[in-house]
Amino acid sequence: LEIGAGTGLVSVSTLKPYVLFHAFCLLVPAEQERSDQTVARQKWVPNVICRINKDIYHYVGQDIVIYESIDSFGAMMWPAALALCSFLDNNRDTVDLRGKEVLELGAGTGLVAIVASLLGAAVTATDLPEILGNLQANLMRNTRGLCRHTPQVAPLSWGYDLESTYPSSVYRYDYVLAADVVYHHDFLDELLVTMKYFCKPGTTLIWANKVRFESDLVFTENFKKAFHTSLLVEEGEMKIFMAMSREEDEGDRNRLSRPTDCRLKA
């Protein structure tokens, strides 16, 4: 439904159903005021865009209702998030999140954070400030009254002011999760810096990614150089890595031994 269709361009070109609301703005430039009348100009300003359809996923025995946002690629559903959710749901012995402190980078719609919360983790879901409203709504809708720990939402810009906003003396995590965070952007160096910052000794990083571009392969090589890594799952272009800090001692690194029964599906 489009209100104020005008030329109809939005209606014709839109691929999915949206509702477009407009706000009226009456502008009266002071320099154009006249004694006998006021020259006013009316503008139609797009104010709120929201998607009216929803997606329902089933993990951890629950139907999870997710609304996406068209404001950003980061607020849409991506395949590696689904792969990581399936992995966490079907490999609970390998990755036991019960009572664990978990940080998600680039949480987007919040599906991974929701699944981790339902599995018993105390989750902090992070993303850019403009993503957080929809992220918070999805988290609360799907976890209220169902989780031991209420998931938290926090802004995080990769690579910037990490020590001042997340001082390492205060913020320590058992797991760092990330899914499809490498998709075609110019902040791969900052992402790797952020991963290294939060993946301290004692922290396990799990990164799911669908390979699409040459930049994905370059980042993967840099990722392997930055951490002790193990490939948990490989199905076509979908890969899930487990990583630990290179500061870990030999005994701790034994946790990276690839389990033989890891799977995406039950």
C-alpha atoms as a PDB file:
ATOM      1  CA  LEU A   1       0.000   0.000   0.000  1.00  0.00           C
ATOM      2  CA  GLU A   2       1.388   3.414  -0.930  1.00  0.00           C
ATOM      3  CA  ILE A   3      -0.164   6.581   0.439  1.00  0.00           C
ATOM      4  CA  GLY A   4       0.281   9.529  -1.902  1.00  0.00           C
ATOM      5  CA  ALA A   5       1.363   7.450  -4.885  1.00  0.00           C
ATOM      6  CA  GLY A   6       2.167  10.379  -7.147  1.00  0.00           C
ATOM      7  CA  THR A   7       3.794   8.926 -10.260  1.00  0.00           C
ATOM      8  CA  GLY A   8       3.446   5.404  -8.907  1.00  0.00           C
ATOM      9  CA  LEU A   9       7.200   4.835  -9.176  1.00  0.00           C
ATOM     10  CA  VAL A  10       7.515   3.382  -5.679  1.00  0.00           C
ATOM     11  CA  SER A  11       4.584   1.025  -6.173  1.00  0.00           C
ATOM     12  CA  VAL A  12       5.879  -0.291  -9.486  1.00  0.00           C
ATOM     13  CA  SER A  13       9.491  -0.758  -8.452  1.00  0.00           C
ATOM     14  CA  THR A  14       9.012  -2.166  -4.958  1.00  0.00           C
ATOM     15  CA  LEU A  15       9.619  -5.909  -4.826  1.00  0.00           C
ATOM     16  CA  LYS A  16       8.067  -6.587  -1.418  1.00  0.00           C
ATOM     17  CA  PRO A  17       5.037  -5.068   0.325  1.00  0.00           C
ATOM     18  CA  TYR A  18       5.822  -1.994   2.356  1.00  0.00           C
ATOM     19  CA  VAL A  19       3.817   0.804   3.863  1.00  0.00           C
ATOM     20  CA  LEU A  20       5.193   4.254   3.191  1.00  0.00           C
ATOM     21  CA  PHE A  21       4.106   6.998   5.536  1.00  0.00           C
ATOM     22  CA  HIS A  22       4.645  10.670   4.858  1.00  0.00           C
ATOM     23  CA  ALA A  23       4.868  13.606   7.201  1.00  0.00           C
ATOM     24  CA  PHE A  24       3.739  17.076   6.263  1.00  0.00           C
ATOM     25  CA  CYS A  25       6.182  19.889   6.775  1.00  0.00           C
ATOM     26  CA  LEU A  26       5.094  23.502   6.364  1.00  0.00           C
ATOM     27  CA  LEU A  27       8.068  25.743   5.694  1.00  0.00           C
ATOM     28  CA  VAL A  28       7.839  29.517   6.034  1.00  0.00           C
ATOM     29  CA  PRO A  29      11.150  31.185   5.108  1.00  0.00           C
ATOM     30  CA  ALA A  30      11.459  34.346   7.199  1.00  0.00           C
ATOM     31  CA  GLU A  31      13.067  36.343   4.419  1.00  0.00           C
ATOM     32  CA  GLN A  32      10.049  35.772   2.167  1.00  0.00           C
ATOM     33  CA  GLU A  33       7.404  37.009   4.573  1.00  0.00           C
ATOM     34  CA  ARG A  34       5.120  39.734   3.225  1.00  0.00           C
ATOM     35  CA  SER A  35       2.855  42.075   5.110  1.00  0.00           C
ATOM     36  CA  ASP A  36      -0.267  40.946   3.275  1.00  0.00           C
ATOM     37  CA  GLN A  37       0.417  37.230   3.155  1.00  0.00           C
ATOM     38  CA  THR A  38       2.834  34.483   4.082  1.00  0.00           C
ATOM     39  CA  VAL A  39       4.445  32.545   1.298  1.00  0.00           C
ATOM     40  CA  ALA A  40       4.359  28.936   2.404  1.00  0.00           C
ATOM     41  CA  ARG A  41       5.803  25.898   0.743  1.00  0.00           C
ATOM     42  CA  GLN A  42       4.611  22.397   1.515  1.00  0.00           C
ATOM     43  CA  LYS A  43       6.958  19.439   1.336  1.00  0.00           C
ATOM     44  CA  TRP A  44       6.252  15.732   1.503  1.00  0.00           C
ATOM     45  CA  VAL A  45       8.963  14.112   3.576  1.00  0.00           C
ATOM     46  CA  PRO A  46       9.259  10.312   3.899  1.00  0.00           C
ATOM     47  CA  ASN A  47       9.241   9.723   7.625  1.00  0.00           C
ATOM     48  CA  VAL A  48       8.843   6.037   8.438  1.00  0.00           C
ATOM     49  CA  ILE A  49       9.329   2.991   6.263  1.00  0.00           C
ATOM     50  CA  CYS A  50       8.357  -0.382   7.655  1.00  0.00           C
ATOM     51  CA  ARG A  51       7.952  -3.872   6.290  1.00  0.00           C
ATOM     52  CA  ILE A  52       4.545  -5.423   6.814  1.00  0.00           C
ATOM     53  CA  ASN A  53       5.450  -9.077   6.247  1.00  0.00           C
ATOM     54  CA  LYS A  54       7.391 -11.246   8.667  1.00  0.00           C
ATOM     55  CA  ASP A  55       9.510 -14.387   8.679  1.00  0.00           C
ATOM     56  CA  ILE A  56       9.078 -17.249  11.122  1.00  0.00           C
ATOM     57  CA  TYR A  57      11.956 -19.587  11.990  1.00  0.00           C
ATOM     58  CA  HIS A  58      11.975 -22.609  14.274  1.00  0.00           C
ATOM     59  CA  TYR A  59      14.936 -23.190  16.583  1.00  0.00           C
ATOM     60  CA  VAL A  60      15.329 -24.530  20.129  1.00  0.00           C
ATOM     61  CA  GLY A  61      11.727 -25.755  20.006  1.00  0.00           C
ATOM     62  CA  GLN A  62      10.366 -22.234  19.499  1.00  0.00           C
ATOM     63  CA  ASP A  63       8.788 -20.334  16.623  1.00  0.00           C
ATOM     64  CA  ILE A  64      10.848 -17.158  16.245  1.00  0.00           C
ATOM     65  CA  VAL A  65       9.169 -14.201  14.531  1.00  0.00           C
ATOM     66  CA  ILE A  66      11.610 -11.856  12.804  1.00  0.00           C
ATOM     67  CA  TYR A  67      10.867  -8.509  11.210  1.00  0.00           C
ATOM     68  CA  GLU A  68      13.503  -7.080   8.907  1.00  0.00           C
ATOM     69  CA  SER A  69      14.188  -3.436   8.146  1.00  0.00           C
ATOM     70  CA  ILE A  70      14.980  -2.007   4.721  1.00  0.00           C
ATOM     71  CA  ASP A  71      17.067   0.814   6.167  1.00  0.00           C
ATOM     72  CA  SER A  72      20.322  -1.148   6.032  1.00  0.00           C
ATOM     73  CA  PHE A  73      21.864  -4.378   4.771  1.00  0.00           C
ATOM     74  CA  GLY A  74      22.680  -5.035   8.421  1.00  0.00           C
ATOM     75  CA  ALA A  75      19.000  -5.235   9.371  1.00  0.00           C
ATOM     76  CA  MET A  76      18.164  -7.971   6.872  1.00  0.00           C
ATOM     77  CA  MET A  77      18.386 -11.746   7.187  1.00  0.00           C
ATOM     78  CA  TRP A  78      21.488 -13.393   5.722  1.00  0.00           C
ATOM     79  CA  PRO A  79      22.170 -17.101   5.117  1.00  0.00           C
ATOM     80  CA  ALA A  80      25.147 -17.439   7.472  1.00  0.00           C
ATOM     81  CA  ALA A  81      22.925 -16.374  10.380  1.00  0.00           C
ATOM     82  CA  LEU A  82      20.604 -19.285   9.605  1.00  0.00           C
ATOM     83  CA  ALA A  83      23.575 -21.645   9.338  1.00  0.00           C
ATOM     84  CA  LEU A  84      24.991 -20.492  12.680  1.00  0.00           C
ATOM     85  CA  CYS A  85      21.596 -20.847  14.377  1.00  0.00           C
ATOM     86  CA  SER A  86      21.259 -24.397  13.048  1.00  0.00           C
ATOM     87  CA  PHE A  87      24.783 -25.200  14.189  1.00  0.00           C
ATOM     88  CA  LEU A  88      24.207 -23.896  17.718  1.00  0.00           C
ATOM     89  CA  ASP A  89      20.859 -25.674  17.991  1.00  0.00           C
ATOM     90  CA  ASN A  90      22.150 -29.028  16.747  1.00  0.00           C
ATOM     91  CA  ASN A  91      25.551 -29.077  18.473  1.00  0.00           C
ATOM     92  CA  ARG A  92      24.739 -28.168  22.062  1.00  0.00           C
ATOM     93  CA  ASP A  93      27.312 -30.578  23.466  1.00  0.00           C
ATOM     94  CA  THR A  94      30.078 -29.065  21.350  1.00  0.00           C
ATOM     95  CA  VAL A  95      29.089 -25.470  22.138  1.00  0.00           C
ATOM     96  CA  ASP A  96      27.343 -25.383  25.503  1.00  0.00           C
ATOM     97  CA  LEU A  97      26.035 -21.839  25.950  1.00  0.00           C
ATOM     98  CA  ARG A  98      24.217 -22.385  29.241  1.00  0.00           C
ATOM     99  CA  GLY A  99      25.208 -19.624  31.636  1.00  0.00           C
ATOM    100  CA  LYS A 100      27.891 -18.304  29.285  1.00  0.00           C
ATOM    101  CA  GLU A 101      28.589 -14.640  28.553  1.00  0.00           C
ATOM    102  CA  VAL A 102      28.135 -14.154  24.808  1.00  0.00           C
ATOM    103  CA  LEU A 103      28.817 -11.153  22.572  1.00  0.00           C
ATOM    104  CA  GLU A 104      27.451 -10.985  19.042  1.00  0.00           C
ATOM    105  CA  LEU A 105      29.090  -8.723  16.463  1.00  0.00           C
ATOM    106  CA  GLY A 106      26.825  -7.333  13.742  1.00  0.00           C
ATOM    107  CA  ALA A 107      23.682  -8.811  15.281  1.00  0.00           C
ATOM    108  CA  GLY A 108      21.390  -7.411  12.561  1.00  0.00           C
ATOM    109  CA  THR A 109      17.870  -8.774  12.978  1.00  0.00           C
ATOM    110  CA  GLY A 110      18.853 -10.535  16.203  1.00  0.00           C
ATOM    111  CA  LEU A 111      18.102 -14.130  15.191  1.00  0.00           C
ATOM    112  CA  VAL A 112      21.468 -15.525  16.334  1.00  0.00           C
ATOM    113  CA  ALA A 113      21.229 -13.606  19.620  1.00  0.00           C
ATOM    114  CA  ILE A 114      17.704 -14.952  20.164  1.00  0.00           C
ATOM    115  CA  VAL A 115      18.804 -18.556  19.597  1.00  0.00           C
ATOM    116  CA  ALA A 116      21.819 -18.125  21.891  1.00  0.00           C
ATOM    117  CA  SER A 117      19.538 -16.655  24.572  1.00  0.00           C
ATOM    118  CA  LEU A 118      17.074 -19.531  24.260  1.00  0.00           C
ATOM    119  CA  LEU A 119      20.030 -21.899  24.669  1.00  0.00           C
ATOM    120  CA  GLY A 120      20.784 -20.307  28.041  1.00  0.00           C
ATOM    121  CA  ALA A 121      23.425 -17.669  27.283  1.00  0.00           C
ATOM    122  CA  ALA A 122      23.633 -14.153  28.686  1.00  0.00           C
ATOM    123  CA  VAL A 123      23.821 -12.324  25.361  1.00  0.00           C
ATOM    124  CA  THR A 124      24.896  -8.827  24.413  1.00  0.00           C
ATOM    125  CA  ALA A 125      23.855  -8.135  20.808  1.00  0.00           C
ATOM    126  CA  THR A 126      25.763  -5.288  19.146  1.00  0.00           C
ATOM    127  CA  ASP A 127      25.420  -3.362  15.917  1.00  0.00           C
ATOM    128  CA  LEU A 128      25.399   0.186  14.579  1.00  0.00           C
ATOM    129  CA  PRO A 129      23.049   2.621  16.356  1.00  0.00           C
ATOM    130  CA  GLU A 130      20.595   2.793  13.446  1.00  0.00           C
ATOM    131  CA  ILE A 131      20.081  -0.993  13.612  1.00  0.00           C
ATOM    132  CA  LEU A 132      19.329  -1.226  17.316  1.00  0.00           C
ATOM    133  CA  GLY A 133      15.622  -0.317  17.327  1.00  0.00           C
ATOM    134  CA  ASN A 134      14.529  -3.220  15.152  1.00  0.00           C
ATOM    135  CA  LEU A 135      17.081  -5.498  16.829  1.00  0.00           C
ATOM    136  CA  GLN A 136      15.695  -4.697  20.287  1.00  0.00           C
ATOM    137  CA  ALA A 137      12.109  -5.275  19.158  1.00  0.00           C
ATOM    138  CA  ASN A 138      12.925  -8.692  17.684  1.00  0.00           C
ATOM    139  CA  LEU A 139      14.845  -9.736  20.791  1.00  0.00           C
ATOM    140  CA  MET A 140      12.115  -8.744  23.228  1.00  0.00           C
ATOM    141  CA  ARG A 141       9.338 -10.254  21.113  1.00  0.00           C
ATOM    142  CA  ASN A 142      10.994 -13.664  21.057  1.00  0.00           C
ATOM    143  CA  THR A 143      12.700 -13.991  24.444  1.00  0.00           C
ATOM    144  CA  ARG A 144      10.409 -12.331  26.995  1.00  0.00           C
ATOM    145  CA  GLY A 145       9.536 -14.863  29.670  1.00  0.00           C
ATOM    146  CA  LEU A 146      11.454 -17.645  27.906  1.00  0.00           C
ATOM    147  CA  CYS A 147      15.071 -17.018  28.873  1.00  0.00           C
ATOM    148  CA  ARG A 148      16.972 -17.105  32.122  1.00  0.00           C
ATOM    149  CA  HIS A 149      19.014 -14.099  31.013  1.00  0.00           C
ATOM    150  CA  THR A 150      17.426 -11.101  29.312  1.00  0.00           C
ATOM    151  CA  PRO A 151      19.462 -10.304  26.171  1.00  0.00           C
ATOM    152  CA  GLN A 152      21.052  -6.870  26.061  1.00  0.00           C
ATOM    153  CA  VAL A 153      21.497  -4.545  23.088  1.00  0.00           C
ATOM    154  CA  ALA A 154      24.432  -2.161  22.716  1.00  0.00           C
ATOM    155  CA  PRO A 155      25.947   0.020  19.978  1.00  0.00           C
ATOM    156  CA  LEU A 156      29.336  -0.963  18.597  1.00  0.00           C
ATOM    157  CA  SER A 157      31.332   0.562  15.755  1.00  0.00           C
ATOM    158  CA  TRP A 158      34.068  -1.839  14.727  1.00  0.00           C
ATOM    159  CA  GLY A 159      37.589  -0.715  15.482  1.00  0.00           C
ATOM    160  CA  TYR A 160      36.764   2.607  17.152  1.00  0.00           C
ATOM    161  CA  ASP A 161      37.200   3.539  20.829  1.00  0.00           C
ATOM    162  CA  LEU A 162      36.973  -0.090  21.893  1.00  0.00           C
ATOM    163  CA  GLU A 163      38.913   0.299  25.126  1.00  0.00           C
ATOM    164  CA  SER A 164      36.940   3.367  26.193  1.00  0.00           C
ATOM    165  CA  THR A 165      33.498   1.952  25.342  1.00  0.00           C
ATOM    166  CA  TYR A 166      34.187  -1.696  26.250  1.00  0.00           C
ATOM    167  CA  PRO A 167      37.102  -1.622  28.728  1.00  0.00           C
ATOM    168  CA  SER A 168      38.780  -5.018  28.811  1.00  0.00           C
ATOM    169  CA  SER A 169      38.919  -4.925  32.607  1.00  0.00           C
ATOM    170  CA  VAL A 170      35.096  -5.014  32.679  1.00  0.00           C
ATOM    171  CA  TYR A 171      33.895  -6.772  29.533  1.00  0.00           C
ATOM    172  CA  ARG A 172      34.954 -10.405  29.220  1.00  0.00           C
ATOM    173  CA  TYR A 173      33.073 -12.979  27.174  1.00  0.00           C
ATOM    174  CA  ASP A 174      33.080 -16.755  26.949  1.00  0.00           C
ATOM    175  CA  TYR A 175      31.957 -16.668  23.323  1.00  0.00           C
ATOM    176  CA  VAL A 176      31.966 -14.119  20.516  1.00  0.00           C
ATOM    177  CA  LEU A 177      29.558 -14.894  17.664  1.00  0.00           C
ATOM    178  CA  ALA A 178      29.501 -13.385  14.178  1.00  0.00           C
ATOM    179  CA  ALA A 179      27.557 -14.322  11.033  1.00  0.00           C
ATOM    180  CA  ASP A 180      27.873 -12.845   7.530  1.00  0.00           C
ATOM    181  CA  VAL A 181      29.726  -9.813   8.858  1.00  0.00           C
ATOM    182  CA  VAL A 182      32.186  -9.791   5.936  1.00  0.00           C
ATOM    183  CA  TYR A 183      29.607  -9.043   3.246  1.00  0.00           C
ATOM    184  CA  HIS A 184      30.967  -6.438   0.788  1.00  0.00           C
ATOM    185  CA  HIS A 185      31.987  -3.459   2.910  1.00  0.00           C
ATOM    186  CA  ASP A 186      35.105  -1.380   3.474  1.00  0.00           C
ATOM    187  CA  PHE A 187      35.647  -2.088   7.174  1.00  0.00           C
ATOM    188  CA  LEU A 188      37.262  -5.513   7.120  1.00  0.00           C
ATOM    189  CA  ASP A 189      40.416  -4.314   8.867  1.00  0.00           C
ATOM    190  CA  GLU A 190      38.306  -2.726  11.606  1.00  0.00           C
ATOM    191  CA  LEU A 191      36.280  -5.924  11.928  1.00  0.00           C
ATOM    192  CA  LEU A 192      39.414  -8.009  12.434  1.00  0.00           C
ATOM    193  CA  VAL A 193      40.714  -5.529  15.021  1.00  0.00           C
ATOM    194  CA  THR A 194      37.392  -5.832  16.862  1.00  0.00           C
ATOM    195  CA  MET A 195      37.448  -9.623  16.759  1.00  0.00           C
ATOM    196  CA  LYS A 196      40.984  -9.652  18.173  1.00  0.00           C
ATOM    197  CA  TYR A 197      40.046  -7.151  20.875  1.00  0.00           C
ATOM    198  CA  PHE A 198      37.148  -9.211  22.227  1.00  0.00           C
ATOM    199  CA  CYS A 199      38.664 -12.651  21.669  1.00  0.00           C
ATOM    200  CA  LYS A 200      40.913 -12.721  24.729  1.00  0.00           C
ATOM    201  CA  PRO A 201      42.503 -15.855  26.205  1.00  0.00           C
ATOM    202  CA  GLY A 202      39.603 -17.944  27.474  1.00  0.00           C
ATOM    203  CA  THR A 203      37.219 -16.648  24.789  1.00  0.00           C
ATOM    204  CA  THR A 204      36.024 -18.726  21.837  1.00  0.00           C
ATOM    205  CA  LEU A 205      35.068 -16.958  18.615  1.00  0.00           C
ATOM    206  CA  ILE A 206      32.605 -18.637  16.236  1.00  0.00           C
ATOM    207  CA  TRP A 207      32.316 -17.035  12.811  1.00  0.00           C
ATOM    208  CA  ALA A 208      29.920 -18.183  10.074  1.00  0.00           C
ATOM    209  CA  ASN A 209      30.326 -16.882   6.544  1.00  0.00           C
ATOM    210  CA  LYS A 210      29.093 -17.540   3.035  1.00  0.00           C
ATOM    211  CA  VAL A 211      31.897 -16.877   0.564  1.00  0.00           C
ATOM    212  CA  ARG A 212      30.838 -14.502  -2.206  1.00  0.00           C
ATOM    213  CA  PHE A 213      33.750 -12.256  -3.162  1.00  0.00           C
ATOM    214  CA  GLU A 214      37.523 -12.336  -3.380  1.00  0.00           C
ATOM    215  CA  SER A 215      37.564 -10.055  -0.335  1.00  0.00           C
ATOM    216  CA  ASP A 216      35.973 -12.891   1.687  1.00  0.00           C
ATOM    217  CA  LEU A 217      38.926 -15.136   0.874  1.00  0.00           C
ATOM    218  CA  VAL A 218      41.449 -12.431   1.741  1.00  0.00           C
ATOM    219  CA  PHE A 219      39.726 -11.791   5.065  1.00  0.00           C
ATOM    220  CA  THR A 220      39.632 -15.521   5.812  1.00  0.00           C
ATOM    221  CA  GLU A 221      43.393 -15.780   5.335  1.00  0.00           C
ATOM    222  CA  ASN A 222      43.971 -12.795   7.627  1.00  0.00           C
ATOM    223  CA  PHE A 223      41.561 -14.334  10.134  1.00  0.00           C
ATOM    224  CA  LYS A 224      43.561 -17.568  10.174  1.00  0.00           C
ATOM    225  CA  LYS A 225      46.776 -15.624  10.739  1.00  0.00           C
ATOM    226  CA  ALA A 226      45.249 -13.657  13.614  1.00  0.00           C
ATOM    227  CA  PHE A 227      43.830 -16.655  15.531  1.00  0.00           C
ATOM    228  CA  HIS A 228      44.260 -20.331  16.180  1.00  0.00           C
ATOM    229  CA  THR A 229      41.395 -21.650  14.047  1.00  0.00           C
ATOM    230  CA  SER A 230      39.455 -24.802  13.330  1.00  0.00           C
ATOM    231  CA  LEU A 231      36.905 -25.328  10.549  1.00  0.00           C
ATOM    232  CA  LEU A 232      33.789 -26.722  12.225  1.00  0.00           C
ATOM    233  CA  VAL A 233      31.469 -26.977   9.228  1.00  0.00           C
ATOM    234  CA  GLU A 234      31.940 -26.660   5.479  1.00  0.00           C
ATOM    235  CA  GLU A 235      28.948 -27.066   3.186  1.00  0.00           C
ATOM    236  CA  GLY A 236      29.581 -25.580  -0.235  1.00  0.00           C
ATOM    237  CA  GLU A 237      30.288 -21.874   0.159  1.00  0.00           C
ATOM    238  CA  MET A 238      29.131 -21.875   3.785  1.00  0.00           C
ATOM    239  CA  LYS A 239      31.865 -22.181   6.408  1.00  0.00           C
ATOM    240  CA  ILE A 240      31.787 -21.994  10.186  1.00  0.00           C
ATOM    241  CA  PHE A 241      35.073 -21.401  11.996  1.00  0.00           C
ATOM    242  CA  MET A 242      35.994 -21.686  15.646  1.00  0.00           C
ATOM    243  CA  ALA A 243      38.882 -19.476  16.740  1.00  0.00           C
ATOM    244  CA  MET A 244      40.903 -18.671  19.835  1.00  0.00           C
ATOM    245  CA  SER A 245      43.486 -16.064  20.715  1.00  0.00           C
ATOM    246  CA  ARG A 246      47.068 -16.862  19.769  1.00  0.00           C
ATOM    247  CA  GLU A 247      47.920 -16.054  23.375  1.00  0.00           C
ATOM    248  CA  GLU A 248      46.219 -19.279  24.494  1.00  0.00           C
ATOM    249  CA  ASP A 249      48.494 -21.979  25.884  1.00  0.00           C
ATOM    250  CA  GLU A 250      48.732 -25.432  24.327  1.00  0.00           C
ATOM    251  CA  GLY A 251      46.256 -27.000  26.741  1.00  0.00           C
ATOM    252  CA  ASP A 252      43.522 -24.494  25.966  1.00  0.00           C
ATOM    253  CA  ARG A 253      44.076 -24.857  22.227  1.00  0.00           C
ATOM    254  CA  ASN A 254      43.045 -28.496  22.462  1.00  0.00           C
ATOM    255  CA  ARG A 255      39.478 -27.182  22.516  1.00  0.00           C
ATOM    256  CA  LEU A 256      39.946 -26.354  18.841  1.00  0.00           C
ATOM    257  CA  SER A 257      40.174 -29.991  17.817  1.00  0.00           C
ATOM    258  CA  ARG A 258      37.442 -30.366  15.241  1.00  0.00           C
ATOM    259  CA  PRO A 259      34.574 -32.524  16.545  1.00  0.00           C
ATOM    260  CA  THR A 260      33.640 -35.228  14.077  1.00  0.00           C
ATOM    261  CA  ASP A 261      29.871 -34.946  14.559  1.00  0.00           C
ATOM    262  CA  CYS A 262      29.283 -31.216  13.989  1.00  0.00           C
ATOM    263  CA  ARG A 263      26.314 -30.645  11.704  1.00  0.00           C
ATOM    264  CA  LEU A 264      23.950 -27.941  10.522  1.00  0.00           C
ATOM    265  CA  LYS A 265      20.853 -30.137  10.545  1.00  0.00           C
ATOM    266  CA  ALA A 266      19.540 -32.598  13.087  1.00  0.00           C
END
